[in-house]
PDB file of N, CA and C in Angstrom:
ATOM      1  N   MET A   1      -4.283  21.240  22.253  1.00  0.00           N
ATOM      2  CA  MET A   1      -4.402  20.001  22.996  1.00  0.00           C
ATOM      3  C   MET A   1      -3.359  20.021  24.112  1.00  0.00           C
ATOM      4  N   ASN A   2      -3.815  19.755  25.335  1.00  0.00           N
ATOM      5  CA  ASN A   2      -2.871  19.759  26.447  1.00  0.00           C
ATOM      6  C   ASN A   2      -2.310  18.350  26.687  1.00  0.00           C
ATOM      7  N   SER A   3      -1.385  18.237  27.625  1.00  0.00           N
ATOM      8  CA  SER A   3      -0.690  16.967  27.841  1.00  0.00           C
ATOM      9  C   SER A   3      -1.619  15.880  28.384  1.00  0.00           C
ATOM     10  N   ARG A   4      -2.599  16.256  29.182  1.00  0.00           N
ATOM     11  CA  ARG A   4      -3.551  15.260  29.713  1.00  0.00           C
ATOM     12  C   ARG A   4      -4.399  14.672  28.579  1.00  0.00           C
ATOM     13  N   GLN A   5      -4.828  15.524  27.670  1.00  0.00           N
ATOM     14  CA  GLN A   5      -5.622  15.048  26.537  1.00  0.00           C
ATOM     15  C   GLN A   5      -4.779  14.156  25.628  1.00  0.00           C
ATOM     16  N   ARG A   6      -3.538  14.555  25.399  1.00  0.00           N
ATOM     17  CA  ARG A   6      -2.630  13.761  24.563  1.00  0.00           C
ATOM     18  C   ARG A   6      -2.383  12.394  25.199  1.00  0.00           C
ATOM     19  N   ALA A   7      -2.177  12.361  26.512  1.00  0.00           N
ATOM     20  CA  ALA A   7      -1.949  11.092  27.217  1.00  0.00           C
ATOM     21  C   ALA A   7      -3.186  10.199  27.125  1.00  0.00           C
ATOM     22  N   TYR A   8      -4.366  10.793  27.221  1.00  0.00           N
ATOM     23  CA  TYR A   8      -5.610  10.028  27.107  1.00  0.00           C
ATOM     24  C   TYR A   8      -5.729   9.395  25.716  1.00  0.00           C
ATOM     25  N   LEU A   9      -5.422  10.180  24.679  1.00  0.00           N
ATOM     26  CA  LEU A   9      -5.489   9.662  23.310  1.00  0.00           C
ATOM     27  C   LEU A   9      -4.434   8.578  23.077  1.00  0.00           C
ATOM     28  N   MET A  10      -3.253   8.749  23.663  1.00  0.00           N
ATOM     29  CA  MET A  10      -2.215   7.721  23.526  1.00  0.00           C
ATOM     30  C   MET A  10      -2.660   6.414  24.170  1.00  0.00           C
ATOM     31  N   SER A  11      -3.348   6.517  25.315  1.00  0.00           N
ATOM     32  CA  SER A  11      -3.812   5.297  25.979  1.00  0.00           C
ATOM     33  C   SER A  11      -4.889   4.603  25.143  1.00  0.00           C
ATOM     34  N   LEU A  12      -5.734   5.365  24.471  1.00  0.00           N
ATOM     35  CA  LEU A  12      -6.728   4.767  23.586  1.00  0.00           C
ATOM     36  C   LEU A  12      -6.070   4.104  22.375  1.00  0.00           C
ATOM     37  N   ALA A  13      -5.005   4.710  21.885  1.00  0.00           N
ATOM     38  CA  ALA A  13      -4.345   4.211  20.674  1.00  0.00           C
ATOM     39  C   ALA A  13      -3.508   2.958  20.924  1.00  0.00           C
ATOM     40  N   GLN A  14      -3.143   2.681  22.169  1.00  0.00           N
ATOM     41  CA  GLN A  14      -2.297   1.522  22.466  1.00  0.00           C
ATOM     42  C   GLN A  14      -2.906   0.219  21.985  1.00  0.00           C
ATOM     43  N   THR A  15      -4.201   0.070  22.136  1.00  0.00           N
ATOM     44  CA  THR A  15      -4.850  -1.195  21.786  1.00  0.00           C
ATOM     45  C   THR A  15      -5.313  -1.236  20.329  1.00  0.00           C
ATOM     46  N   MET A  16      -5.162  -0.141  19.615  1.00  0.00           N
ATOM     47  CA  MET A  16      -5.619  -0.076  18.223  1.00  0.00           C
ATOM     48  C   MET A  16      -4.638  -0.751  17.278  1.00  0.00           C
ATOM     49  N   GLN A  17      -5.173  -1.291  16.196  1.00  0.00           N
ATOM     50  CA  GLN A  17      -4.354  -1.817  15.108  1.00  0.00           C
ATOM     51  C   GLN A  17      -4.263  -0.740  14.028  1.00  0.00           C
ATOM     52  N   PRO A  18      -3.128  -0.661  13.319  1.00  0.00           N
ATOM     53  CA  PRO A  18      -3.025   0.303  12.221  1.00  0.00           C
ATOM     54  C   PRO A  18      -4.049  -0.012  11.133  1.00  0.00           C
ATOM     55  N   ILE A  19      -4.736   1.012  10.650  1.00  0.00           N
ATOM     56  CA  ILE A  19      -5.732   0.780   9.609  1.00  0.00           C
ATOM     57  C   ILE A  19      -5.244   1.237   8.242  1.00  0.00           C
ATOM     58  N   ILE A  20      -4.136   1.965   8.203  1.00  0.00           N
ATOM     59  CA  ILE A  20      -3.567   2.439   6.942  1.00  0.00           C
ATOM     60  C   ILE A  20      -2.073   2.160   6.972  1.00  0.00           C
ATOM     61  N   GLN A  21      -1.535   1.747   5.813  1.00  0.00           N
ATOM     62  CA  GLN A  21      -0.101   1.514   5.690  1.00  0.00           C
ATOM     63  C   GLN A  21       0.453   2.411   4.601  1.00  0.00           C
ATOM     64  N   ILE A  22       1.623   2.974   4.864  1.00  0.00           N
ATOM     65  CA  ILE A  22       2.296   3.811   3.878  1.00  0.00           C
ATOM     66  C   ILE A  22       3.521   3.044   3.409  1.00  0.00           C
ATOM     67  N   GLY A  23       3.605   2.778   2.120  1.00  0.00           N
ATOM     68  CA  GLY A  23       4.693   1.986   1.557  1.00  0.00           C
ATOM     69  C   GLY A  23       5.615   2.796   0.679  1.00  0.00           C
ATOM     70  N   LYS A  24       6.185   2.137  -0.324  1.00  0.00           N
ATOM     71  CA  LYS A  24       7.189   2.797  -1.163  1.00  0.00           C
ATOM     72  C   LYS A  24       6.616   3.915  -2.010  1.00  0.00           C
ATOM     73  N   GLY A  25       5.302   3.929  -2.214  1.00  0.00           N
ATOM     74  CA  GLY A  25       4.674   5.017  -2.966  1.00  0.00           C
ATOM     75  C   GLY A  25       4.693   6.332  -2.205  1.00  0.00           C
ATOM     76  N   GLY A  26       4.906   6.260  -0.894  1.00  0.00           N
ATOM     77  CA  GLY A  26       4.962   7.469  -0.077  1.00  0.00           C
ATOM     78  C   GLY A  26       3.591   8.091   0.104  1.00  0.00           C
ATOM     79  N   LEU A  27       3.595   9.373   0.317  1.00  0.00           N
ATOM     80  CA  LEU A  27       2.360  10.108   0.589  1.00  0.00           C
ATOM     81  C   LEU A  27       1.785  10.645  -0.717  1.00  0.00           C
ATOM     82  N   THR A  28       0.669  10.068  -1.141  1.00  0.00           N
ATOM     83  CA  THR A  28       0.003  10.491  -2.371  1.00  0.00           C
ATOM     84  C   THR A  28      -1.284  11.229  -2.004  1.00  0.00           C
ATOM     85  N   PRO A  29      -1.848  11.985  -2.942  1.00  0.00           N
ATOM     86  CA  PRO A  29      -3.120  12.653  -2.655  1.00  0.00           C
ATOM     87  C   PRO A  29      -4.237  11.658  -2.303  1.00  0.00           C
ATOM     88  N   GLU A  30      -4.212  10.484  -2.941  1.00  0.00           N
ATOM     89  CA  GLU A  30      -5.219   9.464  -2.647  1.00  0.00           C
ATOM     90  C   GLU A  30      -5.086   8.975  -1.214  1.00  0.00           C
ATOM     91  N   LEU A  31      -3.849   8.787  -0.770  1.00  0.00           N
ATOM     92  CA  LEU A  31      -3.601   8.338   0.601  1.00  0.00           C
ATOM     93  C   LEU A  31      -4.066   9.393   1.600  1.00  0.00           C
ATOM     94  N   ALA A  32      -3.789  10.655   1.299  1.00  0.00           N
ATOM     95  CA  ALA A  32      -4.215  11.739   2.188  1.00  0.00           C
ATOM     96  C   ALA A  32      -5.742  11.797   2.287  1.00  0.00           C
ATOM     97  N   SER A  33      -6.429  11.575   1.182  1.00  0.00           N
ATOM     98  CA  SER A  33      -7.896  11.586   1.241  1.00  0.00           C
ATOM     99  C   SER A  33      -8.423  10.369   1.993  1.00  0.00           C
ATOM    100  N   ALA A  34      -7.749   9.217   1.887  1.00  0.00           N
ATOM    101  CA  ALA A  34      -8.150   8.028   2.646  1.00  0.00           C
ATOM    102  C   ALA A  34      -7.970   8.261   4.144  1.00  0.00           C
ATOM    103  N   VAL A  35      -6.880   8.917   4.514  1.00  0.00           N
ATOM    104  CA  VAL A  35      -6.640   9.244   5.922  1.00  0.00           C
ATOM    105  C   VAL A  35      -7.707  10.217   6.417  1.00  0.00           C
ATOM    106  N   SER A  36      -8.056  11.193   5.606  1.00  0.00           N
ATOM    107  CA  SER A  36      -9.073  12.165   5.980  1.00  0.00           C
ATOM    108  C   SER A  36     -10.432  11.491   6.193  1.00  0.00           C
ATOM    109  N   GLU A  37     -10.788  10.553   5.308  1.00  0.00           N
ATOM    110  CA  GLU A  37     -12.047   9.819   5.454  1.00  0.00           C
ATOM    111  C   GLU A  37     -12.038   8.961   6.715  1.00  0.00           C
ATOM    112  N   ALA A  38     -10.902   8.309   6.990  1.00  0.00           N
ATOM    113  CA  ALA A  38     -10.791   7.471   8.188  1.00  0.00           C
ATOM    114  C   ALA A  38     -10.906   8.316   9.449  1.00  0.00           C
ATOM    115  N   LEU A  39     -10.318   9.499   9.445  1.00  0.00           N
ATOM    116  CA  LEU A  39     -10.415  10.394  10.594  1.00  0.00           C
ATOM    117  C   LEU A  39     -11.851  10.871  10.797  1.00  0.00           C
ATOM    118  N   ALA A  40     -12.564  11.126   9.717  1.00  0.00           N
ATOM    119  CA  ALA A  40     -13.952  11.556   9.832  1.00  0.00           C
ATOM    120  C   ALA A  40     -14.813  10.451  10.434  1.00  0.00           C
ATOM    121  N   ALA A  41     -14.487   9.202  10.119  1.00  0.00           N
ATOM    122  CA  ALA A  41     -15.276   8.081  10.614  1.00  0.00           C
ATOM    123  C   ALA A  41     -14.904   7.685  12.035  1.00  0.00           C
ATOM    124  N   ARG A  42     -13.606   7.788  12.387  1.00  0.00           N
ATOM    125  CA  ARG A  42     -13.140   7.245  13.666  1.00  0.00           C
ATOM    126  C   ARG A  42     -12.595   8.259  14.655  1.00  0.00           C
ATOM    127  N   GLU A  43     -12.174   9.414  14.193  1.00  0.00           N
ATOM    128  CA  GLU A  43     -11.551  10.483  14.984  1.00  0.00           C
ATOM    129  C   GLU A  43     -10.104  10.181  15.371  1.00  0.00           C
ATOM    130  N   LEU A  44      -9.792   8.943  15.754  1.00  0.00           N
ATOM    131  CA  LEU A  44      -8.440   8.569  16.177  1.00  0.00           C
ATOM    132  C   LEU A  44      -8.006   7.370  15.350  1.00  0.00           C
ATOM    133  N   ILE A  45      -6.875   7.508  14.625  1.00  0.00           N
ATOM    134  CA  ILE A  45      -6.399   6.395  13.801  1.00  0.00           C
ATOM    135  C   ILE A  45      -4.908   6.177  14.007  1.00  0.00           C
ATOM    136  N   LYS A  46      -4.493   4.956  13.714  1.00  0.00           N
ATOM    137  CA  LYS A  46      -3.082   4.592  13.768  1.00  0.00           C
ATOM    138  C   LYS A  46      -2.652   4.199  12.366  1.00  0.00           C
ATOM    139  N   ILE A  47      -1.488   4.700  11.967  1.00  0.00           N
ATOM    140  CA  ILE A  47      -0.941   4.458  10.628  1.00  0.00           C
ATOM    141  C   ILE A  47       0.410   3.786  10.776  1.00  0.00           C
ATOM    142  N   SER A  48       0.657   2.800   9.935  1.00  0.00           N
ATOM    143  CA  SER A  48       1.931   2.085   9.950  1.00  0.00           C
ATOM    144  C   SER A  48       2.750   2.506   8.733  1.00  0.00           C
ATOM    145  N   VAL A  49       4.017   2.833   8.949  1.00  0.00           N
ATOM    146  CA  VAL A  49       4.931   3.183   7.867  1.00  0.00           C
ATOM    147  C   VAL A  49       5.800   1.956   7.603  1.00  0.00           C
ATOM    148  N   LEU A  50       5.724   1.437   6.397  1.00  0.00           N
ATOM    149  CA  LEU A  50       6.454   0.215   6.055  1.00  0.00           C
ATOM    150  C   LEU A  50       7.949   0.482   5.863  1.00  0.00           C
ATOM    151  N   GLN A  51       8.728  -0.585   5.898  1.00  0.00           N
ATOM    152  CA  GLN A  51      10.189  -0.476   5.787  1.00  0.00           C
ATOM    153  C   GLN A  51      10.626   0.137   4.456  1.00  0.00           C
ATOM    154  N   ASN A  52       9.874  -0.144   3.370  1.00  0.00           N
ATOM    155  CA  ASN A  52      10.300   0.334   2.055  1.00  0.00           C
ATOM    156  C   ASN A  52       9.918   1.782   1.771  1.00  0.00           C
ATOM    157  N   CYS A  53       9.326   2.477   2.721  1.00  0.00           N
ATOM    158  CA  CYS A  53       8.993   3.892   2.560  1.00  0.00           C
ATOM    159  C   CYS A  53      10.251   4.726   2.795  1.00  0.00           C
ATOM    160  N   MET A  54      10.547   5.620   1.862  1.00  0.00           N
ATOM    161  CA  MET A  54      11.779   6.412   1.928  1.00  0.00           C
ATOM    162  C   MET A  54      11.676   7.615   2.872  1.00  0.00           C
ATOM    163  N   GLU A  55      10.472   8.065   3.156  1.00  0.00           N
ATOM    164  CA  GLU A  55      10.291   9.239   4.011  1.00  0.00           C
ATOM    165  C   GLU A  55      10.283   8.828   5.483  1.00  0.00           C
ATOM    166  N   SER A  56      10.682   9.739   6.350  1.00  0.00           N
ATOM    167  CA  SER A  56      10.691   9.425   7.780  1.00  0.00           C
ATOM    168  C   SER A  56       9.277   9.541   8.337  1.00  0.00           C
ATOM    169  N   PRO A  57       8.944   8.734   9.333  1.00  0.00           N
ATOM    170  CA  PRO A  57       7.603   8.794   9.921  1.00  0.00           C
ATOM    171  C   PRO A  57       7.261  10.163  10.500  1.00  0.00           C
ATOM    172  N   LYS A  58       8.236  10.863  11.069  1.00  0.00           N
ATOM    173  CA  LYS A  58       7.959  12.183  11.638  1.00  0.00           C
ATOM    174  C   LYS A  58       7.570  13.185  10.554  1.00  0.00           C
ATOM    175  N   GLU A  59       8.285  13.151   9.424  1.00  0.00           N
ATOM    176  CA  GLU A  59       7.947  14.044   8.317  1.00  0.00           C
ATOM    177  C   GLU A  59       6.563  13.717   7.760  1.00  0.00           C
ATOM    178  N   LEU A  60       6.275  12.420   7.627  1.00  0.00           N
ATOM    179  CA  LEU A  60       4.968  12.003   7.134  1.00  0.00           C
ATOM    180  C   LEU A  60       3.861  12.465   8.074  1.00  0.00           C
ATOM    181  N   ALA A  61       4.088  12.343   9.373  1.00  0.00           N
ATOM    182  CA  ALA A  61       3.078  12.736  10.360  1.00  0.00           C
ATOM    183  C   ALA A  61       2.761  14.222  10.258  1.00  0.00           C
ATOM    184  N   VAL A  62       3.795  15.041  10.154  1.00  0.00           N
ATOM    185  CA  VAL A  62       3.585  16.491  10.054  1.00  0.00           C
ATOM    186  C   VAL A  62       2.825  16.831   8.776  1.00  0.00           C
ATOM    187  N   THR A  63       3.221  16.231   7.660  1.00  0.00           N
ATOM    188  CA  THR A  63       2.566  16.498   6.380  1.00  0.00           C
ATOM    189  C   THR A  63       1.118  16.027   6.394  1.00  0.00           C
ATOM    190  N   LEU A  64       0.878  14.825   6.921  1.00  0.00           N
ATOM    191  CA  LEU A  64      -0.496  14.322   7.002  1.00  0.00           C
ATOM    192  C   LEU A  64      -1.352  15.194   7.910  1.00  0.00           C
ATOM    193  N   GLY A  65      -0.777  15.652   9.012  1.00  0.00           N
ATOM    194  CA  GLY A  65      -1.508  16.533   9.917  1.00  0.00           C
ATOM    195  C   GLY A  65      -1.934  17.811   9.238  1.00  0.00           C
ATOM    196  N   GLU A  66      -1.040  18.373   8.426  1.00  0.00           N
ATOM    197  CA  GLU A  66      -1.363  19.612   7.707  1.00  0.00           C
ATOM    198  C   GLU A  66      -2.419  19.369   6.637  1.00  0.00           C
ATOM    199  N   ARG A  67      -2.259  18.292   5.871  1.00  0.00           N
ATOM    200  CA  ARG A  67      -3.177  18.030   4.757  1.00  0.00           C
ATOM    201  C   ARG A  67      -4.577  17.639   5.227  1.00  0.00           C
ATOM    202  N   THR A  68      -4.670  16.966   6.366  1.00  0.00           N
ATOM    203  CA  THR A  68      -5.976  16.505   6.850  1.00  0.00           C
ATOM    204  C   THR A  68      -6.538  17.399   7.954  1.00  0.00           C
ATOM    205  N   ARG A  69      -5.796  18.433   8.319  1.00  0.00           N
ATOM    206  CA  ARG A  69      -6.179  19.340   9.411  1.00  0.00           C
ATOM    207  C   ARG A  69      -6.419  18.571  10.705  1.00  0.00           C
ATOM    208  N   SER A  70      -5.518  17.627  10.987  1.00  0.00           N
ATOM    209  CA  SER A  70      -5.613  16.830  12.203  1.00  0.00           C
ATOM    210  C   SER A  70      -4.400  17.095  13.080  1.00  0.00           C
ATOM    211  N   GLN A  71      -4.412  16.528  14.277  1.00  0.00           N
ATOM    212  CA  GLN A  71      -3.307  16.716  15.206  1.00  0.00           C
ATOM    213  C   GLN A  71      -2.522  15.416  15.338  1.00  0.00           C
ATOM    214  N   VAL A  72      -1.212  15.542  15.361  1.00  0.00           N
ATOM    215  CA  VAL A  72      -0.355  14.386  15.558  1.00  0.00           C
ATOM    216  C   VAL A  72      -0.308  14.111  17.057  1.00  0.00           C
ATOM    217  N   VAL A  73      -0.792  12.939  17.463  1.00  0.00           N
ATOM    218  CA  VAL A  73      -0.789  12.567  18.872  1.00  0.00           C
ATOM    219  C   VAL A  73       0.584  12.043  19.249  1.00  0.00           C
ATOM    220  N   GLN A  74       1.104  11.110  18.442  1.00  0.00           N
ATOM    221  CA  GLN A  74       2.446  10.586  18.714  1.00  0.00           C
ATOM    222  C   GLN A  74       3.012   9.895  17.488  1.00  0.00           C
ATOM    223  N   VAL A  75       4.335   9.819  17.462  1.00  0.00           N
ATOM    224  CA  VAL A  75       5.055   9.045  16.461  1.00  0.00           C
ATOM    225  C   VAL A  75       6.052   8.193  17.236  1.00  0.00           C
ATOM    226  N   ILE A  76       5.850   6.887  17.186  1.00  0.00           N
ATOM    227  CA  ILE A  76       6.765   5.966  17.862  1.00  0.00           C
ATOM    228  C   ILE A  76       7.246   4.962  16.831  1.00  0.00           C
ATOM    229  N   GLY A  77       8.531   4.965  16.582  1.00  0.00           N
ATOM    230  CA  GLY A  77       9.085   4.048  15.587  1.00  0.00           C
ATOM    231  C   GLY A  77       8.466   4.297  14.234  1.00  0.00           C
ATOM    232  N   LYS A  78       7.787   3.282  13.713  1.00  0.00           N
ATOM    233  CA  LYS A  78       7.151   3.387  12.397  1.00  0.00           C
ATOM    234  C   LYS A  78       5.630   3.517  12.495  1.00  0.00           C
ATOM    235  N   LYS A  79       5.139   3.935  13.655  1.00  0.00           N
ATOM    236  CA  LYS A  79       3.693   4.101  13.864  1.00  0.00           C
ATOM    237  C   LYS A  79       3.367   5.577  14.091  1.00  0.00           C
ATOM    238  N   ILE A  80       2.274   6.021  13.477  1.00  0.00           N
ATOM    239  CA  ILE A  80       1.797   7.397  13.609  1.00  0.00           C
ATOM    240  C   ILE A  80       0.375   7.344  14.150  1.00  0.00           C
ATOM    241  N   VAL A  81       0.067   8.180  15.125  1.00  0.00           N
ATOM    242  CA  VAL A  81      -1.294   8.275  15.648  1.00  0.00           C
ATOM    243  C   VAL A  81      -1.785   9.696  15.390  1.00  0.00           C
ATOM    244  N   LEU A  82      -2.938   9.800  14.705  1.00  0.00           N
ATOM    245  CA  LEU A  82      -3.533  11.089  14.380  1.00  0.00           C
ATOM    246  C   LEU A  82      -4.911  11.206  15.011  1.00  0.00           C
ATOM    247  N   TYR A  83      -5.282  12.439  15.382  1.00  0.00           N
ATOM    248  CA  TYR A  83      -6.600  12.704  15.969  1.00  0.00           C
ATOM    249  C   TYR A  83      -7.201  13.924  15.299  1.00  0.00           C
ATOM    250  N   LYS A  84      -8.480  13.810  14.971  1.00  0.00           N
ATOM    251  CA  LYS A  84      -9.221  14.955  14.464  1.00  0.00           C
ATOM    252  C   LYS A  84     -10.579  14.937  15.130  1.00  0.00           C
ATOM    253  N   GLU A  85     -10.895  16.009  15.846  1.00  0.00           N
ATOM    254  CA  GLU A  85     -12.154  16.092  16.583  1.00  0.00           C
ATOM    255  C   GLU A  85     -13.326  16.024  15.614  1.00  0.00           C
ATOM    256  N   GLY A  86     -14.303  15.191  15.947  1.00  0.00           N
ATOM    257  CA  GLY A  86     -15.482  15.033  15.109  1.00  0.00           C
ATOM    258  C   GLY A  86     -16.432  16.205  15.266  1.00  0.00           C
ATOM    259  N   LYS A  87     -17.372  16.267  14.362  1.00  0.00           N
ATOM    260  CA  LYS A  87     -18.397  17.301  14.470  1.00  0.00           C
ATOM    261  C   LYS A  87     -19.255  17.004  15.694  1.00  0.00           C
ATOM    262  N   ASP A  88     -19.914  18.022  16.222  1.00  0.00           N
ATOM    263  CA  ASP A  88     -20.666  17.895  17.472  1.00  0.00           C
ATOM    264  C   ASP A  88     -21.668  16.750  17.468  1.00  0.00           C
ATOM    265  N   ASP A  89     -22.354  16.546  16.350  1.00  0.00           N
ATOM    266  CA  ASP A  89     -23.375  15.505  16.307  1.00  0.00           C
ATOM    267  C   ASP A  89     -22.787  14.099  16.134  1.00  0.00           C
ATOM    268  N   LYS A  90     -21.521  14.004  15.735  1.00  0.00           N
ATOM    269  CA  LYS A  90     -20.909  12.685  15.501  1.00  0.00           C
ATOM    270  C   LYS A  90     -19.690  12.443  16.376  1.00  0.00           C
ATOM    271  N   LYS A  91     -19.572  13.157  17.475  1.00  0.00           N
ATOM    272  CA  LYS A  91     -18.416  13.025  18.361  1.00  0.00           C
ATOM    273  C   LYS A  91     -18.400  11.666  19.036  1.00  0.00           C
ATOM    274  N   LYS A  92     -17.265  10.962  18.964  1.00  0.00           N
ATOM    275  CA  LYS A  92     -17.133   9.646  19.585  1.00  0.00           C
ATOM    276  C   LYS A  92     -16.219   9.676  20.799  1.00  0.00           C
ATOM    277  N   ILE A  93     -15.215  10.528  20.747  1.00  0.00           N
ATOM    278  CA  ILE A  93     -14.222  10.608  21.815  1.00  0.00           C
ATOM    279  C   ILE A  93     -14.415  11.916  22.576  1.00  0.00           C
ATOM    280  N   VAL A  94     -14.574  11.801  23.878  1.00  0.00           N
ATOM    281  CA  VAL A  94     -14.702  12.991  24.723  1.00  0.00           C
ATOM    282  C   VAL A  94     -13.380  13.158  25.461  1.00  0.00           C
ATOM    283  N   LEU A  95     -12.699  14.257  25.197  1.00  0.00           N
ATOM    284  CA  LEU A  95     -11.395  14.512  25.801  1.00  0.00           C
ATOM    285  C   LEU A  95     -11.561  15.060  27.225  1.00  0.00           C
ATOM    286  N   PRO A  96     -10.662  14.673  28.149  1.00  0.00           N
ATOM    287  CA  PRO A  96     -10.689  15.274  29.479  1.00  0.00           C
ATOM    288  C   PRO A  96     -10.260  16.739  29.397  1.00  0.00           C
ATOM    289  N   LYS A  97     -10.697  17.527  30.377  1.00  0.00           N
ATOM    290  CA  LYS A  97     -10.351  18.965  30.356  1.00  0.00           C
ATOM    291  C   LYS A  97      -9.061  19.273  31.048  1.00  0.00           C
TER     292      LYS A  97
END
């Protein structure tokens, strides 16, 4: 992913509300599968890391990216934005070249 594509995804994510929250339970296999399902449905999601979570948002983003085979678009404060390209027949977001 190049910088223009990343900037485009960041602009799309600005108006989004977080659809998943990570709390004191941290990153569980169930949470990772929920993130994977959300990425399959939406391609671009925003995740909120709550105050009582002991892990840092950057570490969580890297781990979630690896487990869901997605790309970390950005981590700002306690918000994580992930992107996973959809299959050809279900593509919703067209990235600039």
